[in-house]
Amino acid sequence: MSTSNATLAPISTRHAFALAFDLAFRRDPVQSLVVPLLLRAPWMITLALVVRGGDLELNPRQETLAGVALLGQSVTWWAVDSMLRFRARSVFNTSVGQRPAAIIPSYSRGLRRLPWLYLTESVRNLALTFAFSFFILPGVFLAYRLAFSTEAVVLDEPHLAAAFRRSFRLSRRRFERWLEMVAASVALALSALFVVATLYLAIGRPDIWWQYVLAGSLLAAAIWPVIQYAWTFFYLRLVETETSFPTIAERLRASAPARAAAARPAAAGAESAPAEKAAPEGQPVAAAPAEAVSAHEESGVPSG
């Protein structure tokens, strides 16, 4: 068997989202849904109020305020996502009644990983932009192989390069499952936007369309923790299968001593066997000197 079909453990998108919904809505809805939305909403509302109605002609004060709102929204988003990843890991493979990790230590650990998360997100987005500028297939391939780099750099790996290597290793031969995760995440986010769009078409006025865009963004942000939990649980399952099933190289290294031990007796037997020279055809083999003397004595011929 040249490849590791037998070593690919089952990975379920449905199970990842089931764990995510359980943690977000049953185990801890306040810290999973309510508090993250309260932390993110002020920045989103401020930005929408500054640039409402599509007015791109901003004065210096508005530009400064918009920049601060964008920065605050980005930092808050990454900090909350880091916290969510640590809380998801704290309940992974635990009993149903297990409570998530305490909120303050989770935020503290997430904030410590924020610089590397920012760098990883920036480099990955830059690489994806560069790849998609050539053709769609290189972009899709890179998005697929780097999909778990942010989870890796927050939870396990010390820096960007190690996170990229871990993501490449975990995503190998998991394209279908990754595609399922992307489709499920997009469908969940679009469902919130679809509800708001339906309301706008039914009762909205054209002059306040930006309010409905803001409402849709807030609703998508409210359910985003579920998506983040699902991706974290999916990543943790991949890590679990990676440690449970050795790679081909690891199996070869483990079996090397056994192969060497089996080869030693055969080599010893080959070395102990005497090297026999074949006599030319039709010529008798000469007797050893001792055998020749013995035959002479038995014949009774005197030696004089």
Protein backbone atom coordinates (compact mmCIF):
# COMPACT_ATOMS: atom_id res chain seq x y z
CA MET A 1 0.00 0.00 0.00
CA SER A 2 1.78 3.09 -1.20
CA THR A 3 -0.54 5.73 0.22
CA SER A 4 -2.34 6.10 3.52
CA ASN A 5 -5.96 5.44 2.65
CA ALA A 6 -6.18 3.22 5.70
CA THR A 7 -4.74 5.93 7.92
CA LEU A 8 -7.33 8.58 7.00
CA ALA A 9 -9.62 8.75 9.99
CA PRO A 10 -13.19 9.97 9.45
CA ILE A 11 -13.72 13.72 9.70
CA SER A 12 -17.29 14.99 9.90
CA THR A 13 -18.39 18.52 9.05
CA ARG A 14 -21.78 17.84 10.59
CA HIS A 15 -20.17 16.73 13.85
CA ALA A 16 -18.01 19.87 13.97
CA PHE A 17 -21.05 22.12 13.60
CA ALA A 18 -23.04 20.02 16.08
CA LEU A 19 -20.32 20.60 18.68
CA ALA A 20 -20.27 24.29 17.78
CA PHE A 21 -24.01 24.75 18.23
CA ASP A 22 -23.90 22.80 21.49
CA LEU A 23 -21.17 25.03 22.93
CA ALA A 24 -22.63 28.30 21.64
CA PHE A 25 -26.31 27.79 22.45
CA ARG A 26 -26.42 25.25 25.26
CA ARG A 27 -23.20 25.25 27.28
CA ASP A 28 -22.30 28.93 27.27
CA PRO A 29 -24.47 31.29 25.17
CA VAL A 30 -23.55 34.44 27.11
CA GLN A 31 -19.78 34.32 26.57
CA SER A 32 -20.09 32.68 23.17
CA LEU A 33 -22.74 34.87 21.53
CA VAL A 34 -23.83 37.85 23.62
CA VAL A 35 -20.50 39.23 24.87
CA PRO A 36 -18.68 38.88 21.50
CA LEU A 37 -21.49 40.77 19.78
CA LEU A 38 -21.40 43.51 22.41
CA LEU A 39 -17.65 43.87 21.89
CA ARG A 40 -17.91 44.03 18.11
CA ALA A 41 -21.11 45.99 17.59
CA PRO A 42 -19.90 49.48 18.67
CA TRP A 43 -17.11 49.49 16.09
CA MET A 44 -19.41 48.26 13.34
CA ILE A 45 -22.10 50.82 14.17
CA THR A 46 -19.57 53.66 14.35
CA LEU A 47 -18.14 52.77 10.95
CA ALA A 48 -21.60 52.50 9.40
CA LEU A 49 -22.64 55.88 10.79
CA VAL A 50 -19.50 57.55 9.48
CA VAL A 51 -19.80 56.23 5.92
CA ARG A 52 -23.58 55.82 5.77
CA GLY A 53 -25.34 56.24 2.46
CA GLY A 54 -22.23 55.45 0.46
CA ASP A 55 -20.78 58.92 0.97
CA LEU A 56 -17.08 58.54 0.14
CA GLU A 57 -16.29 62.26 0.49
CA LEU A 58 -15.19 62.29 4.09
CA ASN A 59 -13.62 65.19 5.91
CA PRO A 60 -10.39 64.63 7.91
CA ARG A 61 -12.27 64.12 11.14
CA GLN A 62 -14.51 61.47 9.57
CA GLU A 63 -11.54 59.74 7.99
CA THR A 64 -9.79 59.55 11.36
CA LEU A 65 -12.92 58.23 13.02
CA ALA A 66 -13.41 55.63 10.27
CA GLY A 67 -9.79 54.52 10.61
CA VAL A 68 -10.10 54.13 14.37
CA ALA A 69 -13.34 52.19 13.92
CA LEU A 70 -11.73 49.83 11.40
CA LEU A 71 -8.73 49.26 13.64
CA GLY A 72 -10.88 48.65 16.71
CA GLN A 73 -13.13 46.28 14.80
CA SER A 74 -10.17 44.28 13.50
CA VAL A 75 -8.41 43.98 16.85
CA THR A 76 -11.63 43.11 18.65
CA TRP A 77 -12.53 40.53 16.01
CA TRP A 78 -9.17 38.76 16.25
CA ALA A 79 -9.11 38.88 20.05
CA VAL A 80 -12.58 37.38 20.32
CA ASP A 81 -11.79 34.71 17.75
CA SER A 82 -8.66 33.73 19.68
CA MET A 83 -10.68 33.47 22.88
CA LEU A 84 -13.28 31.30 21.13
CA ARG A 85 -10.59 28.92 19.90
CA PHE A 86 -9.20 28.36 23.40
CA ARG A 87 -12.66 27.79 24.85
CA ALA A 88 -13.48 25.31 22.11
CA ARG A 89 -10.33 23.34 22.86
CA SER A 90 -11.18 23.29 26.57
CA VAL A 91 -14.35 21.24 25.89
CA PHE A 92 -13.14 19.11 23.00
CA ASN A 93 -13.59 15.39 23.73
CA THR A 94 -15.07 16.08 27.16
CA SER A 95 -18.30 14.98 28.80
CA VAL A 96 -21.57 16.75 28.06
CA GLY A 97 -21.63 18.64 31.34
CA GLN A 98 -18.08 19.96 31.08
CA ARG A 99 -17.90 23.75 31.39
CA PRO A 100 -15.62 25.74 29.07
CA ALA A 101 -12.42 27.32 30.34
CA ALA A 102 -12.68 30.52 32.38
CA ILE A 103 -13.27 33.59 30.26
CA ILE A 104 -10.48 35.86 31.56
CA PRO A 105 -7.64 33.33 31.06
CA SER A 106 -9.04 32.54 27.62
CA TYR A 107 -8.94 36.20 26.60
CA SER A 108 -5.49 36.55 28.13
CA ARG A 109 -4.10 33.63 26.16
CA GLY A 110 -5.80 34.87 23.01
CA LEU A 111 -4.31 38.35 23.37
CA ARG A 112 -0.82 36.89 23.77
CA ARG A 113 -1.21 35.14 20.41
CA LEU A 114 -2.64 38.24 18.69
CA PRO A 115 0.60 39.46 17.01
CA TRP A 116 1.24 36.08 15.40
CA LEU A 117 -2.42 35.77 14.43
CA TYR A 118 -2.31 39.18 12.76
CA LEU A 119 0.88 38.28 10.89
CA THR A 120 -0.49 34.90 9.82
CA GLU A 121 -3.77 36.41 8.59
CA SER A 122 -1.93 39.16 6.70
CA VAL A 123 0.56 36.86 4.98
CA ARG A 124 -2.11 34.32 4.11
CA ASN A 125 -4.42 36.97 2.63
CA LEU A 126 -1.52 38.43 0.66
CA ALA A 127 -0.63 34.99 -0.68
CA LEU A 128 -4.25 34.28 -1.62
CA THR A 129 -4.56 37.63 -3.41
CA PHE A 130 -1.39 36.88 -5.36
CA ALA A 131 -2.55 33.33 -6.20
CA PHE A 132 -6.05 34.34 -7.30
CA SER A 133 -4.59 37.09 -9.51
CA PHE A 134 -3.12 34.39 -11.78
CA PHE A 135 -5.93 31.87 -11.98
CA ILE A 136 -8.66 30.48 -9.77
CA LEU A 137 -7.12 27.04 -9.30
CA PRO A 138 -3.90 28.22 -7.60
CA GLY A 139 -5.99 30.41 -5.32
CA VAL A 140 -8.33 27.57 -4.38
CA PHE A 141 -5.39 25.23 -3.76
CA LEU A 142 -3.64 27.73 -1.49
CA ALA A 143 -6.85 28.57 0.36
CA TYR A 144 -7.40 24.87 0.97
CA ARG A 145 -3.85 24.09 2.16
CA LEU A 146 -3.60 27.18 4.41
CA ALA A 147 -7.12 26.89 5.81
CA PHE A 148 -6.00 25.83 9.31
CA SER A 149 -2.98 28.09 9.73
CA THR A 150 -4.79 30.57 12.01
CA GLU A 151 -6.05 27.82 14.30
CA ALA A 152 -2.56 26.33 14.38
CA VAL A 153 -0.77 29.59 15.21
CA VAL A 154 -3.20 30.40 18.03
CA LEU A 155 -3.47 26.97 19.65
CA ASP A 156 -0.31 25.01 18.91
CA GLU A 157 2.44 26.49 16.79
CA PRO A 158 4.92 29.16 17.91
CA HIS A 159 5.17 31.15 14.68
CA LEU A 160 3.92 31.63 11.14
CA ALA A 161 6.17 29.15 9.35
CA ALA A 162 5.28 26.32 11.72
CA ALA A 163 1.58 27.15 11.39
CA PHE A 164 1.78 27.02 7.59
CA ARG A 165 3.58 23.67 7.73
CA ARG A 166 1.00 22.26 10.14
CA SER A 167 -1.87 23.44 7.93
CA PHE A 168 -0.30 21.90 4.83
CA ARG A 169 0.17 18.63 6.69
CA LEU A 170 -3.33 18.48 8.19
CA SER A 171 -5.17 19.45 5.01
CA ARG A 172 -3.53 16.82 2.84
CA ARG A 173 -6.18 14.70 1.12
CA ARG A 174 -8.99 16.51 2.97
CA PHE A 175 -10.20 18.68 0.10
CA GLU A 176 -13.78 17.35 0.15
CA ARG A 177 -14.13 17.92 3.89
CA TRP A 178 -12.65 21.42 3.57
CA LEU A 179 -15.10 22.20 0.79
CA GLU A 180 -17.96 21.01 2.98
CA MET A 181 -16.81 23.29 5.80
CA VAL A 182 -16.62 26.29 3.46
CA ALA A 183 -20.07 25.58 2.04
CA ALA A 184 -21.64 25.15 5.47
CA SER A 185 -20.02 28.34 6.80
CA VAL A 186 -21.08 30.42 3.80
CA ALA A 187 -24.61 29.04 3.95
CA LEU A 188 -24.93 29.93 7.62
CA ALA A 189 -23.67 33.48 7.09
CA LEU A 190 -25.78 34.04 3.98
CA SER A 191 -28.89 32.86 5.80
CA ALA A 192 -28.61 35.87 8.11
CA LEU A 193 -28.11 38.24 5.19
CA PHE A 194 -31.01 36.64 3.33
CA VAL A 195 -33.38 37.36 6.22
CA VAL A 196 -32.40 41.03 6.28
CA ALA A 197 -32.57 41.33 2.48
CA THR A 198 -36.07 39.86 2.52
CA LEU A 199 -37.17 42.39 5.13
CA TYR A 200 -35.69 45.25 3.11
CA LEU A 201 -37.46 44.17 -0.07
CA ALA A 202 -40.73 43.81 1.84
CA ILE A 203 -40.82 46.97 3.97
CA GLY A 204 -37.58 48.89 3.41
CA ARG A 205 -37.12 52.34 1.88
CA PRO A 206 -34.33 53.08 -0.60
CA ASP A 207 -32.96 55.99 1.43
CA ILE A 208 -32.18 53.80 4.48
CA TRP A 209 -30.68 50.80 2.72
CA TRP A 210 -27.45 51.19 4.70
CA GLN A 211 -29.35 50.50 7.92
CA TYR A 212 -30.39 47.13 6.57
CA VAL A 213 -26.79 46.43 5.53
CA LEU A 214 -25.73 47.24 9.09
CA ALA A 215 -28.45 44.99 10.49
CA GLY A 216 -27.33 42.14 8.25
CA SER A 217 -23.71 42.65 9.30
CA LEU A 218 -24.65 42.60 12.98
CA LEU A 219 -26.71 39.47 12.53
CA ALA A 220 -23.83 37.76 10.71
CA ALA A 221 -21.46 38.83 13.49
CA ALA A 222 -23.87 37.39 16.05
CA ILE A 223 -23.69 33.90 14.53
CA TRP A 224 -20.00 34.09 13.61
CA PRO A 225 -18.89 32.41 16.88
CA VAL A 226 -20.72 29.27 15.78
CA ILE A 227 -18.67 29.21 12.58
CA GLN A 228 -15.45 29.85 14.48
CA TYR A 229 -16.23 27.07 16.94
CA ALA A 230 -16.95 24.66 14.08
CA TRP A 231 -13.62 25.36 12.35
CA THR A 232 -11.77 24.98 15.65
CA PHE A 233 -13.42 21.63 16.40
CA PHE A 234 -12.66 20.51 12.86
CA TYR A 235 -9.02 21.48 13.30
CA LEU A 236 -8.78 19.71 16.66
CA ARG A 237 -10.17 16.55 15.11
CA LEU A 238 -7.54 16.74 12.37
CA VAL A 239 -4.82 17.12 15.00
CA GLU A 240 -6.25 14.14 16.86
CA THR A 241 -6.14 11.95 13.76
CA GLU A 242 -2.62 13.16 12.96
CA THR A 243 -1.32 11.91 16.31
CA SER A 244 -3.37 8.70 16.20
CA PHE A 245 -2.33 7.52 12.76
CA PRO A 246 1.40 7.51 11.90
CA THR A 247 2.58 8.60 8.51
CA ILE A 248 4.25 6.30 5.98
CA ALA A 249 7.70 7.60 6.95
CA GLU A 250 7.00 7.02 10.65
CA ARG A 251 5.83 3.47 9.99
CA LEU A 252 8.93 2.73 7.90
CA ARG A 253 11.19 4.05 10.66
CA ALA A 254 9.36 1.96 13.25
CA SER A 255 9.67 -1.23 11.19
CA ALA A 256 13.36 -0.72 10.35
CA PRO A 257 14.71 -2.57 13.47
CA ALA A 258 12.49 -5.59 12.77
CA ARG A 259 13.63 -5.75 9.16
CA ALA A 260 17.27 -5.49 10.23
CA ALA A 261 16.84 -8.27 12.82
CA ALA A 262 15.26 -10.55 10.24
CA ALA A 263 18.07 -9.89 7.78
CA ARG A 264 20.91 -10.72 10.24
CA PRO A 265 20.34 -14.56 10.45
CA ALA A 266 20.22 -14.86 6.68
CA ALA A 267 23.45 -12.91 6.34
CA ALA A 268 25.16 -15.02 9.02
CA GLY A 269 24.12 -18.27 7.28
CA ALA A 270 25.45 -17.06 4.00
CA GLU A 271 28.83 -16.18 5.52
CA SER A 272 29.22 -19.56 7.32
CA ALA A 273 28.56 -21.68 4.21
CA PRO A 274 31.91 -22.94 2.68
CA ALA A 275 32.76 -21.76 -0.74
CA GLU A 276 32.75 -24.83 -2.94
CA LYS A 277 34.60 -24.81 -6.22
CA ALA A 278 33.12 -26.95 -8.92
CA ALA A 279 35.49 -29.38 -10.65
CA PRO A 280 35.86 -29.30 -14.43
CA GLU A 281 33.49 -31.60 -16.26
CA GLY A 282 34.81 -35.17 -16.65
CA GLN A 283 37.67 -34.74 -14.13
CA PRO A 284 37.44 -36.60 -10.74
CA VAL A 285 37.81 -34.65 -7.59
CA ALA A 286 41.19 -35.19 -5.92
CA ALA A 287 41.06 -36.89 -2.52
CA ALA A 288 42.39 -35.18 0.55
CA PRO A 289 45.91 -36.29 1.68
CA ALA A 290 44.60 -38.06 4.80
CA GLU A 291 42.06 -39.99 2.80
CA ALA A 292 44.73 -41.05 0.28
CA VAL A 293 47.00 -42.50 3.05
CA SER A 294 44.11 -44.42 4.54
CA ALA A 295 43.24 -46.01 1.21
CA HIS A 296 46.90 -47.01 0.65
CA GLU A 297 47.14 -48.75 4.03
CA GLU A 298 43.98 -50.76 3.41
CA SER A 299 45.37 -52.11 0.10
CA GLY A 300 48.27 -53.93 1.89
CA VAL A 301 50.95 -52.65 -0.40
CA PRO A 302 54.24 -52.15 1.54
CA SER A 303 55.52 -48.68 1.66
CA GLY A 304 59.16 -49.54 0.92
